[in-house]
């Protein structure tokens, strides 16, 4: 289970150095093999390969009316293997499509991570919070 937020920096080659607290839980079970893709909200997603393969099968099975989601997620998917230092190369095309600059925000969301440009994420979060939360969430813990 991935949770938490980390403010990180992509190196000059576009590599993301995973925080130590995530390396074992993300990279060991999948032997360093992950899949990166794009989300319609504008961030990149990082999945352990096995989790991605399950989601990919569900995406492929969607009806034609969901073609735009298939294009965004399946069309942007790239398989990446972490290097010995626990770094993931975020391909140039994916960085460009997601608007990722040097300073990024990594957010653990259960079975995957979101990777956002720091400025873009803060703007997105503010806009979403201004819309208000659905009433259902107040029954959780708030």
N, C-alpha and C. Protein backbone atom coordinates (compact mmCIF):
# COMPACT_ATOMS: atom_id res chain seq x y z
N UNK A 1 0.85 -1.18 0.00
CA UNK A 1 0.00 0.00 0.00
C UNK A 1 0.90 1.23 0.00
N UNK A 2 0.73 2.07 -1.00
CA UNK A 2 1.53 3.29 -1.12
C UNK A 2 0.71 4.47 -0.62
N UNK A 3 1.34 5.29 0.21
CA UNK A 3 0.69 6.49 0.71
C UNK A 3 1.76 7.52 1.02
N UNK A 4 1.35 8.75 1.10
CA UNK A 4 2.27 9.83 1.42
C UNK A 4 2.62 10.66 0.21
N UNK A 5 3.22 11.81 0.47
CA UNK A 5 3.63 12.75 -0.57
C UNK A 5 5.09 13.09 -0.39
N UNK A 6 5.82 13.10 -1.49
CA UNK A 6 7.24 13.46 -1.48
C UNK A 6 7.49 14.52 -2.54
N UNK A 7 8.19 15.57 -2.16
CA UNK A 7 8.61 16.61 -3.10
C UNK A 7 10.01 16.24 -3.58
N UNK A 8 10.13 16.02 -4.89
CA UNK A 8 11.37 15.48 -5.46
C UNK A 8 11.84 16.32 -6.64
N UNK A 9 12.99 15.94 -7.17
CA UNK A 9 13.57 16.63 -8.32
C UNK A 9 13.96 15.57 -9.35
N UNK A 10 13.56 15.80 -10.61
CA UNK A 10 14.04 14.95 -11.70
C UNK A 10 15.45 15.41 -12.04
N UNK A 11 16.36 14.46 -12.28
CA UNK A 11 17.72 14.85 -12.64
C UNK A 11 17.76 15.30 -14.10
N UNK A 12 18.92 15.70 -14.56
CA UNK A 12 19.08 16.25 -15.91
C UNK A 12 18.66 15.26 -17.01
N UNK A 13 18.71 13.96 -16.71
CA UNK A 13 18.32 12.95 -17.69
C UNK A 13 16.85 12.56 -17.56
N UNK A 14 16.13 13.18 -16.63
CA UNK A 14 14.72 12.86 -16.45
C UNK A 14 14.48 11.67 -15.55
N UNK A 15 15.46 11.34 -14.72
CA UNK A 15 15.30 10.21 -13.81
C UNK A 15 14.72 10.66 -12.48
N UNK A 16 13.85 9.82 -11.95
CA UNK A 16 13.22 10.04 -10.65
C UNK A 16 13.87 9.10 -9.66
N UNK A 17 14.48 9.67 -8.62
CA UNK A 17 15.07 8.85 -7.57
C UNK A 17 14.00 8.59 -6.53
N UNK A 18 13.55 7.35 -6.44
CA UNK A 18 12.49 7.00 -5.50
C UNK A 18 12.98 7.15 -4.06
N UNK A 19 12.15 7.75 -3.21
CA UNK A 19 12.51 7.83 -1.79
C UNK A 19 12.73 6.42 -1.21
N UNK A 20 13.66 6.31 -0.29
CA UNK A 20 14.00 5.01 0.30
C UNK A 20 12.77 4.30 0.87
N UNK A 21 11.84 5.08 1.44
CA UNK A 21 10.66 4.46 2.06
C UNK A 21 9.78 3.72 1.05
N UNK A 22 9.93 4.01 -0.25
CA UNK A 22 9.13 3.35 -1.27
C UNK A 22 9.89 2.29 -2.05
N UNK A 23 11.20 2.35 -2.02
CA UNK A 23 11.98 1.45 -2.87
C UNK A 23 11.67 -0.01 -2.64
N UNK A 24 11.68 -0.43 -1.38
CA UNK A 24 11.45 -1.85 -1.11
C UNK A 24 10.01 -2.25 -1.44
N UNK A 25 9.06 -1.45 -1.02
CA UNK A 25 7.65 -1.84 -1.24
C UNK A 25 7.25 -1.76 -2.70
N UNK A 26 7.84 -0.89 -3.48
CA UNK A 26 7.51 -0.79 -4.90
C UNK A 26 8.39 -1.69 -5.75
N UNK A 27 9.69 -1.62 -5.57
CA UNK A 27 10.60 -2.26 -6.51
C UNK A 27 10.89 -3.73 -6.23
N UNK A 28 10.89 -4.15 -4.99
CA UNK A 28 11.24 -5.55 -4.69
C UNK A 28 10.19 -6.53 -5.22
N UNK A 29 8.89 -6.33 -4.92
CA UNK A 29 7.90 -7.30 -5.40
C UNK A 29 7.84 -7.44 -6.93
N UNK A 30 8.12 -6.36 -7.64
CA UNK A 30 8.04 -6.41 -9.11
C UNK A 30 9.42 -6.46 -9.76
N UNK A 31 10.44 -6.71 -8.97
CA UNK A 31 11.82 -6.80 -9.45
C UNK A 31 12.24 -5.56 -10.24
N UNK A 32 11.76 -4.40 -9.78
CA UNK A 32 12.13 -3.13 -10.40
C UNK A 32 11.38 -2.80 -11.67
N UNK A 33 10.44 -3.67 -12.08
CA UNK A 33 9.71 -3.44 -13.33
C UNK A 33 8.40 -2.72 -13.04
N UNK A 34 8.27 -1.52 -13.59
CA UNK A 34 7.07 -0.72 -13.40
C UNK A 34 6.58 -0.23 -14.77
N UNK A 35 5.36 0.27 -14.78
CA UNK A 35 4.83 0.89 -15.98
C UNK A 35 4.42 2.30 -15.63
N UNK A 36 4.82 3.23 -16.48
CA UNK A 36 4.44 4.63 -16.35
C UNK A 36 3.45 4.95 -17.45
N UNK A 37 2.46 5.75 -17.13
CA UNK A 37 1.49 6.17 -18.13
C UNK A 37 0.94 7.53 -17.74
N UNK A 38 0.00 8.00 -18.51
CA UNK A 38 -0.58 9.32 -18.30
C UNK A 38 -2.00 9.19 -17.79
N UNK A 39 -2.42 10.13 -16.94
CA UNK A 39 -3.78 10.18 -16.42
C UNK A 39 -4.49 11.38 -17.04
N UNK A 40 -5.81 11.29 -17.27
CA UNK A 40 -6.53 12.42 -17.85
C UNK A 40 -6.44 13.71 -17.03
N UNK A 41 -6.14 13.63 -15.74
CA UNK A 41 -5.99 14.84 -14.93
C UNK A 41 -4.71 15.59 -15.24
N UNK A 42 -3.78 14.97 -15.95
CA UNK A 42 -2.55 15.65 -16.34
C UNK A 42 -1.29 15.20 -15.62
N UNK A 43 -1.40 14.15 -14.83
CA UNK A 43 -0.22 13.64 -14.14
C UNK A 43 0.25 12.34 -14.79
N UNK A 44 1.42 11.89 -14.37
CA UNK A 44 1.90 10.56 -14.77
C UNK A 44 1.54 9.59 -13.65
N UNK A 45 1.32 8.35 -14.02
CA UNK A 45 1.03 7.29 -13.06
C UNK A 45 2.16 6.29 -13.08
N UNK A 46 2.47 5.73 -11.92
CA UNK A 46 3.51 4.70 -11.80
C UNK A 46 2.87 3.49 -11.15
N UNK A 47 2.87 2.37 -11.88
CA UNK A 47 2.28 1.12 -11.40
C UNK A 47 3.33 0.03 -11.32
N UNK A 48 3.30 -0.80 -10.28
CA UNK A 48 4.07 -2.05 -10.34
C UNK A 48 3.54 -2.81 -11.57
N UNK A 49 4.42 -3.49 -12.28
CA UNK A 49 4.02 -4.11 -13.55
C UNK A 49 2.79 -5.00 -13.43
N UNK A 50 2.70 -5.83 -12.40
CA UNK A 50 1.56 -6.75 -12.25
C UNK A 50 0.25 -5.98 -12.06
N UNK A 51 0.28 -4.89 -11.32
CA UNK A 51 -0.92 -4.08 -11.12
C UNK A 51 -1.33 -3.45 -12.45
N UNK A 52 -0.35 -2.95 -13.21
CA UNK A 52 -0.64 -2.37 -14.52
C UNK A 52 -1.27 -3.40 -15.45
N UNK A 53 -0.74 -4.59 -15.46
CA UNK A 53 -1.26 -5.62 -16.38
C UNK A 53 -2.73 -5.92 -16.10
N UNK A 54 -3.13 -5.91 -14.84
CA UNK A 54 -4.54 -6.10 -14.50
C UNK A 54 -5.39 -4.93 -14.99
N UNK A 55 -4.90 -3.72 -14.76
CA UNK A 55 -5.62 -2.53 -15.20
C UNK A 55 -5.67 -2.46 -16.72
N UNK A 56 -4.58 -2.82 -17.37
CA UNK A 56 -4.54 -2.79 -18.84
C UNK A 56 -5.60 -3.69 -19.43
N UNK A 57 -5.78 -4.87 -18.86
CA UNK A 57 -6.81 -5.79 -19.35
C UNK A 57 -8.20 -5.18 -19.21
N UNK A 58 -8.43 -4.47 -18.12
CA UNK A 58 -9.74 -3.82 -17.91
C UNK A 58 -9.92 -2.64 -18.87
N UNK A 59 -8.85 -1.90 -19.14
CA UNK A 59 -8.92 -0.79 -20.08
C UNK A 59 -9.23 -1.27 -21.50
N UNK A 60 -8.58 -2.34 -21.90
CA UNK A 60 -8.79 -2.89 -23.24
C UNK A 60 -10.24 -3.34 -23.43
N UNK A 61 -10.85 -3.82 -22.37
CA UNK A 61 -12.22 -4.35 -22.44
C UNK A 61 -13.30 -3.27 -22.43
N UNK A 62 -12.91 -2.01 -22.23
CA UNK A 62 -13.91 -0.94 -22.18
C UNK A 62 -14.58 -0.75 -23.54
N UNK A 63 -15.81 -0.23 -23.55
CA UNK A 63 -16.50 0.01 -24.82
C UNK A 63 -15.86 1.17 -25.60
N UNK A 64 -16.25 1.28 -26.85
CA UNK A 64 -15.70 2.32 -27.72
C UNK A 64 -15.91 3.73 -27.14
N UNK A 65 -16.96 3.91 -26.39
CA UNK A 65 -17.25 5.23 -25.80
C UNK A 65 -16.15 5.69 -24.85
N UNK A 66 -15.30 4.78 -24.40
CA UNK A 66 -14.19 5.11 -23.51
C UNK A 66 -12.86 5.21 -24.27
N UNK A 67 -12.93 5.35 -25.59
CA UNK A 67 -11.73 5.35 -26.42
C UNK A 67 -10.73 6.43 -26.00
N UNK A 68 -11.23 7.60 -25.60
CA UNK A 68 -10.30 8.67 -25.22
C UNK A 68 -9.47 8.25 -24.00
N UNK A 69 -10.08 7.58 -23.03
CA UNK A 69 -9.34 7.09 -21.88
C UNK A 69 -8.31 6.04 -22.31
N UNK A 70 -8.71 5.16 -23.22
CA UNK A 70 -7.78 4.16 -23.73
C UNK A 70 -6.60 4.83 -24.43
N UNK A 71 -6.88 5.86 -25.22
CA UNK A 71 -5.80 6.55 -25.93
C UNK A 71 -4.84 7.21 -24.95
N UNK A 72 -5.39 7.84 -23.92
CA UNK A 72 -4.54 8.53 -22.96
C UNK A 72 -3.69 7.52 -22.18
N UNK A 73 -4.33 6.52 -21.62
CA UNK A 73 -3.61 5.60 -20.73
C UNK A 73 -2.81 4.53 -21.47
N UNK A 74 -3.45 3.83 -22.40
CA UNK A 74 -2.73 2.79 -23.13
C UNK A 74 -1.73 3.39 -24.12
N UNK A 75 -2.13 4.48 -24.75
CA UNK A 75 -1.26 5.11 -25.73
C UNK A 75 -0.03 5.75 -25.14
N UNK A 76 -0.04 6.03 -23.86
CA UNK A 76 1.11 6.66 -23.20
C UNK A 76 1.93 5.70 -22.36
N UNK A 77 1.47 4.46 -22.23
CA UNK A 77 2.13 3.51 -21.33
C UNK A 77 3.52 3.12 -21.83
N UNK A 78 4.44 3.09 -20.89
CA UNK A 78 5.81 2.67 -21.19
C UNK A 78 6.33 1.84 -20.02
N UNK A 79 6.94 0.72 -20.34
CA UNK A 79 7.54 -0.15 -19.33
C UNK A 79 8.95 0.34 -19.01
N UNK A 80 9.25 0.44 -17.72
CA UNK A 80 10.54 0.95 -17.26
C UNK A 80 11.06 0.02 -16.18
N UNK A 81 12.36 -0.15 -16.15
CA UNK A 81 13.00 -0.93 -15.09
C UNK A 81 13.88 0.01 -14.28
N UNK A 82 13.73 -0.03 -12.97
CA UNK A 82 14.55 0.81 -12.10
C UNK A 82 16.01 0.40 -12.19
N UNK A 83 16.88 1.38 -12.08
CA UNK A 83 18.31 1.06 -12.08
C UNK A 83 18.74 0.64 -10.68
N UNK A 84 19.99 0.30 -10.51
CA UNK A 84 20.51 -0.21 -9.23
C UNK A 84 20.39 0.82 -8.11
N UNK A 85 20.30 2.10 -8.46
CA UNK A 85 20.19 3.16 -7.45
C UNK A 85 18.73 3.48 -7.12
N UNK A 86 17.79 2.72 -7.68
CA UNK A 86 16.38 2.96 -7.39
C UNK A 86 15.79 4.13 -8.15
N UNK A 87 16.36 4.42 -9.33
CA UNK A 87 15.87 5.53 -10.15
C UNK A 87 15.05 4.99 -11.32
N UNK A 88 14.00 5.76 -11.65
CA UNK A 88 13.16 5.44 -12.80
C UNK A 88 13.33 6.54 -13.85
N UNK A 89 13.58 6.14 -15.08
CA UNK A 89 13.67 7.11 -16.16
C UNK A 89 12.26 7.45 -16.63
N UNK A 90 11.88 8.71 -16.51
CA UNK A 90 10.60 9.18 -17.02
C UNK A 90 10.87 9.65 -18.44
N UNK A 91 10.36 8.92 -19.44
CA UNK A 91 10.69 9.25 -20.84
C UNK A 91 10.31 10.69 -21.20
N UNK A 92 11.07 11.27 -22.10
CA UNK A 92 10.87 12.66 -22.53
C UNK A 92 9.45 12.91 -22.99
N UNK A 93 8.89 12.01 -23.80
CA UNK A 93 7.52 12.21 -24.30
C UNK A 93 6.52 12.29 -23.16
N UNK A 94 6.65 11.41 -22.19
CA UNK A 94 5.73 11.40 -21.06
C UNK A 94 5.90 12.66 -20.21
N UNK A 95 7.14 13.08 -20.00
CA UNK A 95 7.38 14.33 -19.26
C UNK A 95 6.72 15.50 -19.96
N UNK A 96 6.83 15.53 -21.26
CA UNK A 96 6.23 16.62 -22.04
C UNK A 96 4.71 16.57 -21.99
N UNK A 97 4.12 15.41 -22.22
CA UNK A 97 2.67 15.28 -22.22
C UNK A 97 2.05 15.60 -20.86
N UNK A 98 2.78 15.33 -19.79
CA UNK A 98 2.28 15.58 -18.44
C UNK A 98 2.74 16.93 -17.88
N UNK A 99 3.52 17.67 -18.65
CA UNK A 99 3.99 18.97 -18.20
C UNK A 99 4.92 18.89 -17.00
N UNK A 100 5.70 17.81 -16.91
CA UNK A 100 6.61 17.63 -15.78
C UNK A 100 7.88 18.44 -15.99
N UNK A 101 8.17 19.30 -15.04
CA UNK A 101 9.42 20.05 -15.04
C UNK A 101 10.35 19.41 -14.01
N UNK A 102 11.35 20.11 -13.62
CA UNK A 102 12.37 19.55 -12.71
C UNK A 102 11.80 19.18 -11.34
N UNK A 103 11.00 20.07 -10.75
CA UNK A 103 10.46 19.83 -9.41
C UNK A 103 9.11 19.13 -9.53
N UNK A 104 9.03 17.93 -8.90
CA UNK A 104 7.84 17.10 -9.02
C UNK A 104 7.32 16.68 -7.64
N UNK A 105 6.06 16.25 -7.64
CA UNK A 105 5.41 15.75 -6.43
C UNK A 105 5.01 14.31 -6.68
N UNK A 106 5.44 13.41 -5.81
CA UNK A 106 5.10 11.99 -5.90
C UNK A 106 4.09 11.68 -4.81
N UNK A 107 2.93 11.14 -5.21
CA UNK A 107 1.84 10.90 -4.26
C UNK A 107 1.47 9.42 -4.30
N UNK A 108 1.53 8.75 -3.14
CA UNK A 108 1.13 7.35 -3.05
C UNK A 108 -0.38 7.24 -2.92
N UNK A 109 -0.99 6.45 -3.79
CA UNK A 109 -2.45 6.30 -3.81
C UNK A 109 -2.86 4.83 -3.79
N UNK A 110 -2.41 4.12 -2.79
CA UNK A 110 -2.82 2.73 -2.64
C UNK A 110 -1.96 1.79 -3.46
N UNK A 111 -2.42 1.45 -4.68
CA UNK A 111 -1.69 0.47 -5.49
C UNK A 111 -0.82 1.10 -6.56
N UNK A 112 -0.74 2.44 -6.58
CA UNK A 112 0.09 3.13 -7.57
C UNK A 112 0.49 4.51 -7.04
N UNK A 113 1.29 5.20 -7.82
CA UNK A 113 1.71 6.56 -7.51
C UNK A 113 1.26 7.51 -8.60
N UNK A 114 1.00 8.76 -8.22
CA UNK A 114 0.84 9.84 -9.18
C UNK A 114 2.11 10.67 -9.12
N UNK A 115 2.54 11.16 -10.30
CA UNK A 115 3.71 12.02 -10.39
C UNK A 115 3.27 13.31 -11.09
N UNK A 116 3.35 14.41 -10.36
CA UNK A 116 2.89 15.71 -10.84
C UNK A 116 4.04 16.70 -10.90
N UNK A 117 3.95 17.66 -11.80
CA UNK A 117 4.76 18.85 -11.72
C UNK A 117 4.30 19.57 -10.45
N UNK A 118 5.24 20.05 -9.61
CA UNK A 118 4.86 20.63 -8.32
C UNK A 118 3.91 21.81 -8.46
N UNK A 119 4.20 22.73 -9.35
CA UNK A 119 3.35 23.91 -9.52
C UNK A 119 1.98 23.50 -10.04
N UNK A 120 1.97 22.63 -11.04
CA UNK A 120 0.71 22.17 -11.63
C UNK A 120 -0.15 21.46 -10.58
N UNK A 121 0.48 20.65 -9.74
CA UNK A 121 -0.29 19.94 -8.72
C UNK A 121 -0.93 20.90 -7.72
N UNK A 122 -0.19 21.88 -7.26
CA UNK A 122 -0.75 22.83 -6.29
C UNK A 122 -1.95 23.57 -6.89
N UNK A 123 -1.85 23.94 -8.16
CA UNK A 123 -2.97 24.62 -8.83
C UNK A 123 -4.16 23.67 -8.96
N UNK A 124 -3.89 22.43 -9.35
CA UNK A 124 -4.95 21.44 -9.52
C UNK A 124 -5.66 21.18 -8.19
N UNK A 125 -4.87 20.98 -7.13
CA UNK A 125 -5.44 20.69 -5.82
C UNK A 125 -6.31 21.85 -5.33
N UNK A 126 -5.82 23.07 -5.48
CA UNK A 126 -6.60 24.23 -5.06
C UNK A 126 -7.93 24.31 -5.81
N UNK A 127 -7.88 24.11 -7.12
CA UNK A 127 -9.10 24.18 -7.93
C UNK A 127 -10.09 23.09 -7.52
N UNK A 128 -9.59 21.89 -7.27
CA UNK A 128 -10.47 20.78 -6.88
C UNK A 128 -11.09 21.03 -5.50
N UNK A 129 -10.29 21.54 -4.56
CA UNK A 129 -10.81 21.80 -3.23
C UNK A 129 -11.85 22.92 -3.23
N UNK A 130 -11.68 23.88 -4.12
CA UNK A 130 -12.67 24.97 -4.22
C UNK A 130 -14.02 24.46 -4.72
N UNK A 131 -14.02 23.36 -5.46
CA UNK A 131 -15.28 22.77 -5.93
C UNK A 131 -16.06 22.16 -4.76
N UNK A 132 -15.35 21.85 -3.69
CA UNK A 132 -15.98 21.21 -2.55
C UNK A 132 -15.91 19.70 -2.64
N UNK A 133 -16.00 19.05 -1.50
CA UNK A 133 -15.94 17.59 -1.45
C UNK A 133 -17.35 17.01 -1.50
N UNK A 134 -17.50 15.82 -2.09
CA UNK A 134 -18.81 15.17 -2.08
C UNK A 134 -19.24 14.85 -0.65
N UNK A 135 -20.50 14.92 -0.37
CA UNK A 135 -21.02 14.68 0.97
C UNK A 135 -20.62 13.31 1.52
N UNK A 136 -20.50 12.32 0.65
CA UNK A 136 -20.16 10.96 1.07
C UNK A 136 -18.85 10.89 1.86
N UNK A 137 -17.89 11.74 1.52
CA UNK A 137 -16.59 11.63 2.19
C UNK A 137 -16.63 12.06 3.64
N UNK A 138 -17.61 12.84 4.01
CA UNK A 138 -17.68 13.30 5.40
C UNK A 138 -18.07 12.18 6.36
N UNK A 139 -18.58 11.08 5.84
CA UNK A 139 -18.90 9.94 6.68
C UNK A 139 -17.66 9.12 7.02
N UNK A 140 -16.55 9.37 6.36
CA UNK A 140 -15.32 8.63 6.60
C UNK A 140 -14.73 8.99 7.96
N UNK A 141 -14.04 10.11 8.01
CA UNK A 141 -13.38 10.51 9.25
C UNK A 141 -13.45 11.99 9.52
N UNK A 142 -13.95 12.76 8.61
CA UNK A 142 -13.91 14.22 8.74
C UNK A 142 -14.94 14.76 9.69
